Protein backbone atom coordinates (compact mmCIF):
# COMPACT_ATOMS: atom_id res chain seq x y z
CA MET A 1 6.21 -12.23 6.27
CA GLN A 2 5.68 -14.63 3.38
CA ILE A 3 4.57 -13.09 0.06
CA ASP A 4 3.57 -15.06 -3.03
CA ILE A 5 3.13 -13.19 -6.31
CA LEU A 6 0.99 -14.84 -8.99
CA SER A 7 1.57 -13.44 -12.46
CA LEU A 8 2.28 -14.25 -16.10
CA PHE A 9 5.71 -12.60 -15.93
CA PRO A 10 7.69 -13.74 -12.86
CA GLU A 11 10.88 -12.33 -14.38
CA TYR A 12 9.32 -8.86 -14.12
CA PHE A 13 10.24 -8.76 -10.42
CA GLN A 14 13.91 -9.70 -10.60
CA SER A 15 15.33 -6.20 -10.36
CA PRO A 16 12.93 -4.32 -8.00
CA PHE A 17 13.33 -6.82 -5.17
CA ASP A 18 17.08 -7.23 -5.61
CA VAL A 19 18.15 -3.74 -4.56
CA SER A 20 18.07 -1.41 -1.58
CA ILE A 21 15.73 -1.86 1.40
CA LEU A 22 13.69 -4.78 0.05
CA LYS A 23 16.84 -6.73 -0.78
CA ARG A 24 18.11 -6.29 2.79
CA ALA A 25 14.71 -7.28 4.20
CA CYS A 26 14.74 -10.51 2.19
CA ALA A 27 18.38 -11.25 3.00
CA SER A 28 17.69 -10.87 6.73
CA GLY A 29 14.64 -13.12 6.60
CA ILE A 30 12.12 -10.42 7.48
CA LEU A 31 10.53 -10.84 4.06
CA SER A 32 10.27 -13.93 1.89
CA ILE A 33 9.01 -13.30 -1.65
CA SER A 34 8.16 -16.13 -4.03
CA HIS A 35 6.93 -16.00 -7.62
CA VAL A 36 4.36 -18.26 -9.24
CA ASP A 37 3.85 -18.43 -13.02
CA ILE A 38 0.12 -18.78 -13.65
CA ARG A 39 0.85 -20.43 -17.00
CA ARG A 40 2.09 -23.49 -15.13
CA PHE A 41 -1.52 -24.26 -14.25
CA SER A 42 -2.91 -24.09 -17.77
CA LYS A 43 -4.20 -27.39 -19.14
CA ASP A 44 -3.79 -26.17 -22.70
CA LYS A 45 -0.82 -27.68 -24.55
CA HIS A 46 0.25 -24.18 -25.57
CA LYS A 47 -0.13 -22.93 -21.97
CA LYS A 48 -2.89 -20.56 -22.97
CA VAL A 49 -4.41 -18.69 -20.01
CA ASP A 50 -6.71 -16.16 -21.69
CA ASP A 51 -9.53 -15.99 -24.22
CA ARG A 52 -12.05 -13.61 -25.75
CA PRO A 53 -14.82 -12.39 -23.42
CA PHE A 54 -18.35 -13.74 -23.81
CA GLY A 55 -20.72 -11.02 -24.97
CA GLY A 56 -18.04 -9.34 -27.05
CA GLY A 57 -15.74 -6.47 -26.32
CA PRO A 58 -12.06 -5.66 -26.78
CA GLY A 59 -9.15 -7.44 -25.15
CA MET A 60 -8.75 -10.82 -23.52
CA VAL A 61 -9.85 -12.25 -20.17
CA MET A 62 -7.83 -14.59 -17.96
CA MET A 63 -9.49 -18.00 -17.68
CA PRO A 64 -10.76 -19.14 -14.26
CA GLU A 65 -9.08 -22.58 -14.19
CA PRO A 66 -5.40 -21.54 -14.13
CA VAL A 67 -6.07 -18.52 -11.91
CA VAL A 68 -7.95 -20.54 -9.28
CA ALA A 69 -5.42 -23.37 -9.41
CA ALA A 70 -2.52 -20.94 -8.95
CA ILE A 71 -4.15 -19.34 -5.91
CA ARG A 72 -4.97 -22.68 -4.32
CA SER A 73 -1.40 -23.89 -4.86
CA VAL A 74 -0.10 -21.37 -2.33
CA ARG A 75 -3.13 -20.61 -0.17
CA LYS A 76 -3.09 -21.94 3.36
CA SER A 77 -4.69 -21.17 6.70
CA GLY A 78 -4.22 -17.47 7.41
CA SER A 79 -3.46 -16.46 3.82
CA HIS A 80 -4.83 -13.17 2.53
CA VAL A 81 -5.36 -13.00 -1.25
CA VAL A 82 -5.22 -9.58 -2.93
CA PHE A 83 -6.25 -9.04 -6.54
CA LEU A 84 -4.52 -5.99 -8.01
CA SER A 85 -7.08 -4.29 -10.20
CA PRO A 86 -8.04 -0.72 -11.21
CA GLN A 87 -11.53 -1.57 -9.92
CA GLY A 88 -10.36 -2.23 -6.37
CA LYS A 89 -10.35 -0.01 -3.30
CA LEU A 90 -7.76 2.73 -3.49
CA LEU A 91 -4.48 1.95 -1.75
CA THR A 92 -3.81 4.13 1.29
CA SER A 93 -1.16 4.34 3.97
CA ARG A 94 -3.58 2.85 6.47
CA LYS A 95 -4.29 -0.08 4.18
CA CYS A 96 -0.54 -0.68 3.86
CA GLU A 97 -0.21 -0.66 7.64
CA GLU A 98 -3.04 -3.19 7.86
CA LEU A 99 -1.53 -5.48 5.20
CA ALA A 100 1.81 -5.40 7.02
CA THR A 101 0.23 -7.32 9.92
CA LYS A 102 -0.62 -10.34 7.75
CA GLU A 103 1.51 -13.47 8.00
CA HIS A 104 0.99 -14.55 4.40
CA LEU A 105 0.00 -12.34 1.48
CA VAL A 106 -0.87 -13.62 -1.98
CA PHE A 107 -0.88 -11.01 -4.75
CA LEU A 108 -2.74 -11.88 -7.94
CA CYS A 109 -1.54 -9.64 -10.77
CA GLY A 110 -4.24 -8.73 -13.26
CA HIS A 111 -3.48 -8.88 -16.97
CA TYR A 112 -5.40 -8.00 -20.14
CA GLU A 113 -9.04 -7.16 -19.28
CA GLY A 114 -8.82 -8.87 -15.89
CA ILE A 115 -9.89 -12.29 -14.61
CA ASP A 116 -12.99 -14.37 -15.18
CA ALA A 117 -15.54 -13.31 -12.54
CA ARG A 118 -15.82 -16.90 -11.33
CA ALA A 119 -12.24 -16.77 -10.07
CA GLU A 120 -13.03 -13.84 -7.79
CA LYS A 121 -14.40 -16.22 -5.15
CA GLU A 122 -10.78 -17.00 -4.26
CA VAL A 123 -9.95 -13.32 -3.67
CA ASP A 124 -10.20 -11.66 -0.25
CA GLU A 125 -10.00 -8.09 -1.54
CA GLU A 126 -9.25 -5.99 -4.61
CA ILE A 127 -6.78 -3.12 -4.40
CA SER A 128 -6.06 -0.35 -6.89
CA ILE A 129 -3.01 1.92 -6.75
CA GLY A 130 -4.81 4.72 -8.60
CA ASP A 131 -7.52 5.78 -10.98
CA TYR A 132 -5.70 4.73 -14.13
CA VAL A 133 -5.03 1.51 -16.04
CA LEU A 134 -1.63 -0.17 -16.32
CA THR A 135 -0.40 -2.65 -18.92
CA ASN A 136 -0.30 -5.32 -16.19
CA GLY A 137 -0.67 -5.80 -12.45
CA CYS A 138 3.01 -6.55 -11.85
CA ILE A 139 3.76 -2.85 -11.48
CA ALA A 140 0.97 -2.50 -8.92
CA ALA A 141 2.28 -5.48 -6.95
CA ILE A 142 5.70 -3.87 -6.68
CA VAL A 143 4.14 -0.62 -5.44
CA VAL A 144 1.98 -2.32 -2.80
CA ILE A 145 4.76 -4.57 -1.51
CA ASP A 146 7.20 -1.67 -1.30
CA ALA A 147 4.66 0.49 0.53
CA LEU A 148 3.50 -2.12 3.05
CA SER A 149 7.02 -3.41 3.79
CA ARG A 150 7.87 -0.09 5.42
CA PHE A 151 5.46 -0.95 8.25
CA ILE A 152 7.04 -4.33 8.98
CA PRO A 153 9.29 -4.09 12.06
CA GLY A 154 12.96 -4.20 11.13
CA VAL A 155 12.61 -3.22 7.47
CA LEU A 156 13.40 0.46 7.98
CA GLY A 157 16.35 1.70 9.98
CA HIS A 158 14.23 3.80 12.38
CA PRO A 159 11.18 2.11 13.94
CA ASP A 160 9.09 5.30 13.76
CA ALA A 161 10.05 6.33 10.22
CA ALA A 162 7.00 4.86 8.48
CA PHE A 163 4.60 6.40 10.99
CA GLU A 164 5.87 9.95 10.53
CA ASP A 165 5.69 10.14 6.74
CA SER A 166 3.15 11.76 4.45
CA PHE A 167 -0.47 10.49 4.62
CA GLN A 168 0.01 8.71 7.94
CA ASP A 169 -2.22 11.32 9.60
CA GLY A 170 -4.20 11.95 6.43
CA ILE A 171 -2.06 14.89 5.28
CA PHE A 172 1.37 15.52 3.78
CA ASP A 173 4.57 15.45 5.79
CA GLY A 174 6.26 18.73 6.70
CA PRO A 175 9.29 20.01 4.73
CA GLN A 176 12.66 18.50 5.61
CA TYR A 177 16.11 20.12 5.70
CA THR A 178 19.68 18.93 6.26
CA LYS A 179 23.21 20.38 5.96
CA PRO A 180 24.38 22.90 4.94
CA ILE A 181 22.51 25.50 6.98
CA GLU A 182 22.60 27.89 4.03
CA PHE A 183 22.33 26.92 0.36
CA GLU A 184 22.19 29.43 -2.50
CA GLY A 185 21.10 32.17 -0.12
CA GLU A 186 18.33 30.15 1.53
CA LYS A 187 18.73 29.15 5.18
CA VAL A 188 17.24 26.30 7.14
CA PRO A 189 14.30 27.77 9.13
CA GLU A 190 15.39 28.97 12.55
CA VAL A 191 12.68 26.99 14.33
CA LEU A 192 14.29 23.73 13.20
CA ARG A 193 17.59 24.75 14.73
CA GLY A 194 16.24 26.07 18.01
CA GLY A 195 15.84 22.75 19.81
CA ASN A 196 12.26 23.34 20.99
CA HIS A 197 10.59 20.09 19.94
CA GLN A 198 7.03 21.32 20.53
CA GLU A 199 7.64 24.38 18.35
CA ILE A 200 9.15 22.14 15.68
CA ARG A 201 6.10 19.85 15.71
CA ASN A 202 3.75 22.83 15.48
CA TRP A 203 5.74 24.37 12.61
CA ARG A 204 5.86 21.11 10.63
CA LEU A 205 2.14 20.57 11.11
CA SER A 206 1.40 24.10 9.94
CA GLN A 207 3.59 23.67 6.85
CA ALA A 208 2.07 20.26 6.12
CA LEU A 209 -1.46 21.64 6.33
CA GLN A 210 -0.62 24.53 4.03
CA LYS A 211 0.80 22.26 1.33
CA THR A 212 -2.00 19.71 1.66
CA LYS A 213 -4.58 22.47 1.28
CA ARG A 214 -2.77 23.84 -1.79
CA VAL A 215 -2.03 20.55 -3.56
CA ARG A 216 -4.75 18.16 -2.34
CA PRO A 217 -7.71 20.23 -1.09
CA GLU A 218 -9.90 17.13 -0.80
CA LEU A 219 -7.44 15.58 1.68
CA TYR A 220 -7.32 18.84 3.60
CA ALA A 221 -11.13 18.96 3.84
CA LYS A 222 -11.24 15.32 4.97
CA TYR A 223 -8.60 15.98 7.62
CA LEU A 224 -10.55 18.96 9.01
CA LEU A 225 -13.75 16.91 9.12
CA GLU A 226 -12.03 14.07 10.98
CA GLN A 227 -10.53 16.51 13.47
CA CYS A 228 -13.96 18.06 14.08
CA GLN A 229 -15.51 14.62 14.60
CA LEU A 230 -12.74 13.65 16.99
CA LEU A 231 -13.18 16.87 18.97
CA ALA A 232 -16.95 16.37 19.13
CA LYS A 233 -16.48 12.82 20.39
CA GLU A 234 -14.05 13.96 23.08
CA GLU A 235 -16.46 16.68 24.21
CA GLU A 236 -19.29 14.14 24.32
CA VAL A 237 -17.27 11.81 26.53
CA SER A 238 -16.17 14.59 28.86
CA SER A 239 -19.77 15.82 29.26
CA GLU A 240 -21.12 12.43 30.31
CA PRO A 241 -22.19 12.23 33.99
CA GLN A 242 -19.52 10.62 36.18
CA LYS A 243 -20.65 7.48 38.00
CA SER A 244 -20.62 7.76 41.76
CA ASN A 245 -18.45 5.33 43.73
CA GLY A 246 -20.63 5.71 46.78
């Protein structure tokens, strides 16, 4: 996958992408990440890219000319442009899985009070990593790229790892244990050592549901609703009259 990051601070990304899993993904050619300095496209002799908003208000707004030019410099057939903004749709595991199927992603990092609305015509979608405001969109870009990369084949050591983590089914993951069997008087649950894979799955689901209900009740309620809808749909299909072959 090719990723282009458009920002005012390309140096911001030097460390996050040069360690651990993302470094290995880039070294192996699974990922290719390039950085574009939006200031390069400013026609101002001082490379100015922002100005005061019309109508008043605090902060500065990124001008449309350099933003649009930067996007068009990397956009090609099949590109998907994402504007990282607190006003976008909330990032989810399913969205990350969807983004991981794209051949070319372009991430536009917001700065200041955002971009001139006339530049939004170049954007395919806006994504937010949470209901809060950051000092710049570079942090959000790192989060999104890290999250989506886990769904790209070959990035993680185990092909199923990304699909068995928290939120993949709309709820938290179950608790995990490793050696030693006993630590400070607390033992690894017997069910995890018994070898019955169906019992293990049932136990982990039960534990995951309990924690989701306790920590994120809105996710728990959504999960129950989706399960009810799925069950109703299955019952509807099974109750339909079977067509005769005669």
